[in-house]
Amino acid sequence: MITRALPLLGALMMTGMTAHAYPSPPPYMPSQKPTAEQINQTYRHKLQALRAEVIATQESDGGALTQAHRAALQERLDRIHADLRREIRDIDVYSVSAEGRRVR
């Protein structure tokens, strides 16, 4: 056993490197995709926050939303819906693109 270790020890000493010169790579961890329940919960929280903002904006506008505020809030609502569709598509194992390829 010692005779096998000596050549390795000699090679390490000649190169000036120690046995711990190269750190081990981090363990492979696959990306954690959110579950459908987590996606739905995030969606509900975003809608509740948007609703609170709509109510506050409406009160500051004197009871009726201005056209600029209405357009900005509608744009945020559209983004929330688009995010939901994208997240659900990403976790659906059967979703495919128009070309029939798997959507990642």
N, C-alpha and C. Protein backbone atom coordinates (compact mmCIF):
# COMPACT_ATOMS: atom_id res chain seq x y z
N MET A 1 0.82 -1.19 0.00
CA MET A 1 0.00 0.00 0.00
C MET A 1 0.87 1.25 0.00
N ILE A 2 1.90 1.25 0.81
CA ILE A 2 2.78 2.41 0.89
C ILE A 2 3.55 2.56 -0.41
N THR A 3 3.94 1.47 -1.04
CA THR A 3 4.70 1.56 -2.28
C THR A 3 3.86 2.15 -3.41
N ARG A 4 2.56 1.96 -3.37
CA ARG A 4 1.70 2.55 -4.38
C ARG A 4 1.51 4.05 -4.16
N ALA A 5 1.52 4.48 -2.92
CA ALA A 5 1.30 5.88 -2.59
C ALA A 5 2.54 6.73 -2.84
N LEU A 6 3.72 6.14 -2.77
CA LEU A 6 4.94 6.91 -2.93
C LEU A 6 5.08 7.55 -4.32
N PRO A 7 4.81 6.85 -5.42
CA PRO A 7 4.90 7.52 -6.71
C PRO A 7 3.92 8.70 -6.83
N LEU A 8 2.73 8.54 -6.31
CA LEU A 8 1.75 9.62 -6.35
C LEU A 8 2.23 10.79 -5.52
N LEU A 9 2.75 10.50 -4.33
CA LEU A 9 3.26 11.55 -3.46
C LEU A 9 4.43 12.26 -4.13
N GLY A 10 5.31 11.49 -4.78
CA GLY A 10 6.44 12.09 -5.47
C GLY A 10 5.99 12.97 -6.62
N ALA A 11 4.98 12.55 -7.35
CA ALA A 11 4.48 13.36 -8.46
C ALA A 11 3.86 14.65 -7.96
N LEU A 12 3.16 14.58 -6.84
CA LEU A 12 2.56 15.78 -6.28
C LEU A 12 3.63 16.75 -5.79
N MET A 13 4.67 16.21 -5.22
CA MET A 13 5.74 17.07 -4.70
C MET A 13 6.50 17.73 -5.86
N MET A 14 6.67 17.03 -6.96
CA MET A 14 7.40 17.59 -8.10
C MET A 14 6.62 18.73 -8.75
N THR A 15 5.33 18.62 -8.81
CA THR A 15 4.53 19.67 -9.45
C THR A 15 4.24 20.81 -8.50
N GLY A 16 4.48 20.61 -7.22
CA GLY A 16 4.22 21.67 -6.26
C GLY A 16 2.75 21.81 -5.92
N MET A 17 1.98 20.83 -6.27
CA MET A 17 0.55 20.89 -6.01
C MET A 17 0.21 19.97 -4.86
N THR A 18 -0.83 20.33 -4.17
CA THR A 18 -1.31 19.48 -3.10
C THR A 18 -2.48 18.66 -3.61
N ALA A 19 -2.89 17.73 -2.82
CA ALA A 19 -4.01 16.87 -3.21
C ALA A 19 -5.32 17.65 -3.29
N HIS A 20 -5.37 18.80 -2.62
CA HIS A 20 -6.61 19.59 -2.59
C HIS A 20 -6.52 20.83 -3.46
N ALA A 21 -5.70 20.79 -4.48
CA ALA A 21 -5.52 21.96 -5.33
C ALA A 21 -6.77 22.26 -6.15
N TYR A 22 -7.51 21.25 -6.56
CA TYR A 22 -8.70 21.46 -7.36
C TYR A 22 -9.93 21.13 -6.52
N PRO A 23 -10.76 22.14 -6.27
CA PRO A 23 -11.96 21.85 -5.48
C PRO A 23 -12.91 20.98 -6.29
N SER A 24 -13.67 20.20 -5.59
CA SER A 24 -14.64 19.35 -6.28
C SER A 24 -15.76 20.23 -6.82
N PRO A 25 -16.31 19.86 -7.96
CA PRO A 25 -17.39 20.67 -8.52
C PRO A 25 -18.63 20.57 -7.64
N PRO A 26 -19.48 21.58 -7.68
CA PRO A 26 -20.69 21.51 -6.88
C PRO A 26 -21.58 20.38 -7.39
N PRO A 27 -22.37 19.80 -6.52
CA PRO A 27 -23.24 18.72 -6.97
C PRO A 27 -24.27 19.24 -7.97
N TYR A 28 -24.62 18.40 -8.92
CA TYR A 28 -25.61 18.79 -9.93
C TYR A 28 -26.97 18.88 -9.26
N MET A 29 -27.59 20.01 -9.42
CA MET A 29 -28.93 20.18 -8.87
C MET A 29 -29.85 20.64 -10.00
N PRO A 30 -30.79 19.81 -10.40
CA PRO A 30 -31.70 20.22 -11.46
C PRO A 30 -32.53 21.41 -11.01
N SER A 31 -32.93 22.23 -11.97
CA SER A 31 -33.73 23.40 -11.62
C SER A 31 -35.07 22.95 -11.05
N GLN A 32 -35.49 23.65 -10.05
CA GLN A 32 -36.76 23.32 -9.40
C GLN A 32 -37.86 24.14 -10.05
N LYS A 33 -38.72 23.48 -10.80
CA LYS A 33 -39.85 24.17 -11.41
C LYS A 33 -40.95 24.27 -10.36
N PRO A 34 -41.67 25.39 -10.38
CA PRO A 34 -42.76 25.53 -9.41
C PRO A 34 -43.89 24.56 -9.74
N THR A 35 -44.62 24.18 -8.73
CA THR A 35 -45.77 23.32 -8.94
C THR A 35 -46.95 24.16 -9.41
N ALA A 36 -47.98 23.50 -9.88
CA ALA A 36 -49.17 24.21 -10.34
C ALA A 36 -49.80 25.00 -9.20
N GLU A 37 -49.78 24.44 -8.01
CA GLU A 37 -50.36 25.14 -6.85
C GLU A 37 -49.56 26.40 -6.52
N GLN A 38 -48.23 26.33 -6.61
CA GLN A 38 -47.41 27.52 -6.37
C GLN A 38 -47.67 28.59 -7.42
N ILE A 39 -47.82 28.17 -8.66
CA ILE A 39 -48.11 29.11 -9.74
C ILE A 39 -49.46 29.78 -9.50
N ASN A 40 -50.47 29.00 -9.13
CA ASN A 40 -51.79 29.56 -8.87
C ASN A 40 -51.77 30.51 -7.68
N GLN A 41 -51.01 30.17 -6.65
CA GLN A 41 -50.92 31.03 -5.48
C GLN A 41 -50.25 32.36 -5.84
N THR A 42 -49.18 32.31 -6.62
CA THR A 42 -48.52 33.54 -7.06
C THR A 42 -49.46 34.38 -7.91
N TYR A 43 -50.21 33.72 -8.78
CA TYR A 43 -51.18 34.42 -9.64
C TYR A 43 -52.24 35.13 -8.80
N ARG A 44 -52.77 34.43 -7.79
CA ARG A 44 -53.78 35.05 -6.92
C ARG A 44 -53.21 36.26 -6.17
N HIS A 45 -51.96 36.14 -5.68
CA HIS A 45 -51.33 37.25 -4.96
C HIS A 45 -51.14 38.46 -5.88
N LYS A 46 -50.74 38.20 -7.12
CA LYS A 46 -50.56 39.30 -8.07
C LYS A 46 -51.89 39.98 -8.37
N LEU A 47 -52.95 39.18 -8.54
CA LEU A 47 -54.27 39.76 -8.80
C LEU A 47 -54.77 40.56 -7.61
N GLN A 48 -54.55 40.06 -6.40
CA GLN A 48 -54.98 40.79 -5.21
C GLN A 48 -54.22 42.11 -5.08
N ALA A 49 -52.93 42.09 -5.39
CA ALA A 49 -52.14 43.33 -5.33
C ALA A 49 -52.62 44.32 -6.38
N LEU A 50 -52.93 43.82 -7.57
CA LEU A 50 -53.43 44.69 -8.63
C LEU A 50 -54.79 45.27 -8.26
N ARG A 51 -55.64 44.46 -7.66
CA ARG A 51 -56.96 44.94 -7.25
C ARG A 51 -56.83 46.05 -6.21
N ALA A 52 -55.93 45.87 -5.25
CA ALA A 52 -55.71 46.91 -4.24
C ALA A 52 -55.20 48.20 -4.90
N GLU A 53 -54.33 48.05 -5.89
CA GLU A 53 -53.83 49.22 -6.59
C GLU A 53 -54.93 49.91 -7.40
N VAL A 54 -55.81 49.12 -8.01
CA VAL A 54 -56.93 49.69 -8.77
C VAL A 54 -57.83 50.50 -7.85
N ILE A 55 -58.13 49.94 -6.69
CA ILE A 55 -59.02 50.63 -5.74
C ILE A 55 -58.37 51.94 -5.27
N ALA A 56 -57.06 51.88 -4.95
CA ALA A 56 -56.37 53.09 -4.49
C ALA A 56 -56.30 54.13 -5.60
N THR A 57 -56.03 53.69 -6.82
CA THR A 57 -55.95 54.62 -7.95
C THR A 57 -57.31 55.23 -8.25
N GLN A 58 -58.34 54.42 -8.15
CA GLN A 58 -59.70 54.91 -8.41
C GLN A 58 -60.08 55.97 -7.38
N GLU A 59 -59.73 55.73 -6.12
CA GLU A 59 -60.04 56.72 -5.09
C GLU A 59 -59.26 58.01 -5.31
N SER A 60 -58.00 57.89 -5.74
CA SER A 60 -57.21 59.10 -5.98
C SER A 60 -57.69 59.85 -7.22
N ASP A 61 -58.33 59.14 -8.15
CA ASP A 61 -58.86 59.79 -9.36
C ASP A 61 -60.25 60.37 -9.14
N GLY A 62 -60.80 60.23 -7.95
CA GLY A 62 -62.12 60.81 -7.67
C GLY A 62 -63.28 59.89 -7.98
N GLY A 63 -63.07 58.59 -7.95
CA GLY A 63 -64.16 57.64 -8.15
C GLY A 63 -64.19 56.97 -9.49
N ALA A 64 -63.53 57.52 -10.47
CA ALA A 64 -63.49 56.90 -11.80
C ALA A 64 -62.06 56.95 -12.31
N LEU A 65 -61.61 55.87 -12.91
CA LEU A 65 -60.24 55.82 -13.43
C LEU A 65 -60.10 56.70 -14.67
N THR A 66 -58.96 57.37 -14.76
CA THR A 66 -58.69 58.11 -15.98
C THR A 66 -58.30 57.12 -17.07
N GLN A 67 -58.35 57.55 -18.31
CA GLN A 67 -58.00 56.66 -19.42
C GLN A 67 -56.55 56.19 -19.33
N ALA A 68 -55.65 57.06 -18.90
CA ALA A 68 -54.23 56.69 -18.79
C ALA A 68 -54.03 55.64 -17.71
N HIS A 69 -54.70 55.85 -16.57
CA HIS A 69 -54.58 54.86 -15.49
C HIS A 69 -55.23 53.54 -15.89
N ARG A 70 -56.38 53.63 -16.55
CA ARG A 70 -57.06 52.40 -16.99
C ARG A 70 -56.17 51.61 -17.95
N ALA A 71 -55.51 52.29 -18.88
CA ALA A 71 -54.64 51.61 -19.84
C ALA A 71 -53.43 50.98 -19.15
N ALA A 72 -52.86 51.69 -18.18
CA ALA A 72 -51.69 51.16 -17.46
C ALA A 72 -52.07 49.93 -16.64
N LEU A 73 -53.21 49.99 -15.98
CA LEU A 73 -53.65 48.85 -15.16
C LEU A 73 -54.03 47.66 -16.05
N GLN A 74 -54.64 47.94 -17.19
CA GLN A 74 -54.98 46.85 -18.12
C GLN A 74 -53.72 46.19 -18.65
N GLU A 75 -52.68 46.98 -18.90
CA GLU A 75 -51.41 46.42 -19.37
C GLU A 75 -50.80 45.51 -18.30
N ARG A 76 -50.88 45.93 -17.05
CA ARG A 76 -50.37 45.07 -15.97
C ARG A 76 -51.17 43.78 -15.87
N LEU A 77 -52.49 43.87 -16.01
CA LEU A 77 -53.33 42.68 -15.96
C LEU A 77 -52.99 41.73 -17.11
N ASP A 78 -52.77 42.29 -18.29
CA ASP A 78 -52.39 41.46 -19.44
C ASP A 78 -51.06 40.76 -19.20
N ARG A 79 -50.09 41.47 -18.58
CA ARG A 79 -48.80 40.84 -18.26
C ARG A 79 -48.96 39.72 -17.25
N ILE A 80 -49.82 39.92 -16.26
CA ILE A 80 -50.06 38.88 -15.25
C ILE A 80 -50.64 37.63 -15.92
N HIS A 81 -51.60 37.81 -16.82
CA HIS A 81 -52.19 36.68 -17.53
C HIS A 81 -51.17 35.99 -18.44
N ALA A 82 -50.34 36.78 -19.12
CA ALA A 82 -49.32 36.20 -20.00
C ALA A 82 -48.29 35.40 -19.19
N ASP A 83 -47.92 35.93 -18.03
CA ASP A 83 -46.98 35.19 -17.16
C ASP A 83 -47.59 33.87 -16.71
N LEU A 84 -48.86 33.89 -16.34
CA LEU A 84 -49.52 32.66 -15.92
C LEU A 84 -49.54 31.64 -17.04
N ARG A 85 -49.91 32.06 -18.24
CA ARG A 85 -49.94 31.13 -19.38
C ARG A 85 -48.55 30.54 -19.65
N ARG A 86 -47.51 31.39 -19.59
CA ARG A 86 -46.15 30.93 -19.85
C ARG A 86 -45.71 29.92 -18.78
N GLU A 87 -45.98 30.22 -17.51
CA GLU A 87 -45.56 29.32 -16.44
C GLU A 87 -46.27 27.98 -16.50
N ILE A 88 -47.56 28.00 -16.82
CA ILE A 88 -48.30 26.74 -16.93
C ILE A 88 -47.80 25.94 -18.13
N ARG A 89 -47.53 26.62 -19.24
CA ARG A 89 -46.99 25.94 -20.41
C ARG A 89 -45.63 25.31 -20.10
N ASP A 90 -44.81 26.00 -19.31
CA ASP A 90 -43.47 25.49 -19.00
C ASP A 90 -43.50 24.23 -18.14
N ILE A 91 -44.50 24.06 -17.30
CA ILE A 91 -44.54 22.86 -16.46
C ILE A 91 -45.36 21.73 -17.08
N ASP A 92 -46.08 22.03 -18.15
CA ASP A 92 -46.91 21.01 -18.80
C ASP A 92 -46.04 20.13 -19.69
N VAL A 93 -45.96 18.84 -19.37
CA VAL A 93 -45.10 17.93 -20.12
C VAL A 93 -45.63 17.66 -21.52
N TYR A 94 -46.89 17.96 -21.78
CA TYR A 94 -47.47 17.69 -23.09
C TYR A 94 -47.57 18.92 -23.98
N SER A 95 -47.07 20.07 -23.52
CA SER A 95 -47.21 21.27 -24.34
C SER A 95 -46.20 21.24 -25.48
N VAL A 96 -46.67 21.61 -26.66
CA VAL A 96 -45.83 21.64 -27.85
C VAL A 96 -46.03 22.97 -28.56
N SER A 97 -45.04 23.35 -29.36
CA SER A 97 -45.13 24.59 -30.12
C SER A 97 -45.94 24.35 -31.39
N ALA A 98 -46.08 25.38 -32.20
CA ALA A 98 -46.83 25.25 -33.45
C ALA A 98 -46.15 24.28 -34.41
N GLU A 99 -44.83 24.12 -34.27
CA GLU A 99 -44.10 23.18 -35.12
C GLU A 99 -44.11 21.76 -34.58
N GLY A 100 -44.75 21.55 -33.42
CA GLY A 100 -44.80 20.22 -32.84
C GLY A 100 -43.63 19.89 -31.94
N ARG A 101 -42.78 20.88 -31.64
CA ARG A 101 -41.64 20.64 -30.77
C ARG A 101 -42.02 20.86 -29.32
N ARG A 102 -41.34 20.15 -28.44
CA ARG A 102 -41.57 20.29 -27.01
C ARG A 102 -41.19 21.69 -26.55
N VAL A 103 -42.05 22.34 -25.80
CA VAL A 103 -41.79 23.67 -25.27
C VAL A 103 -41.08 23.52 -23.94
N ARG A 104 -39.97 24.25 -23.78
CA ARG A 104 -39.22 24.15 -22.51
C ARG A 104 -39.45 25.35 -21.67
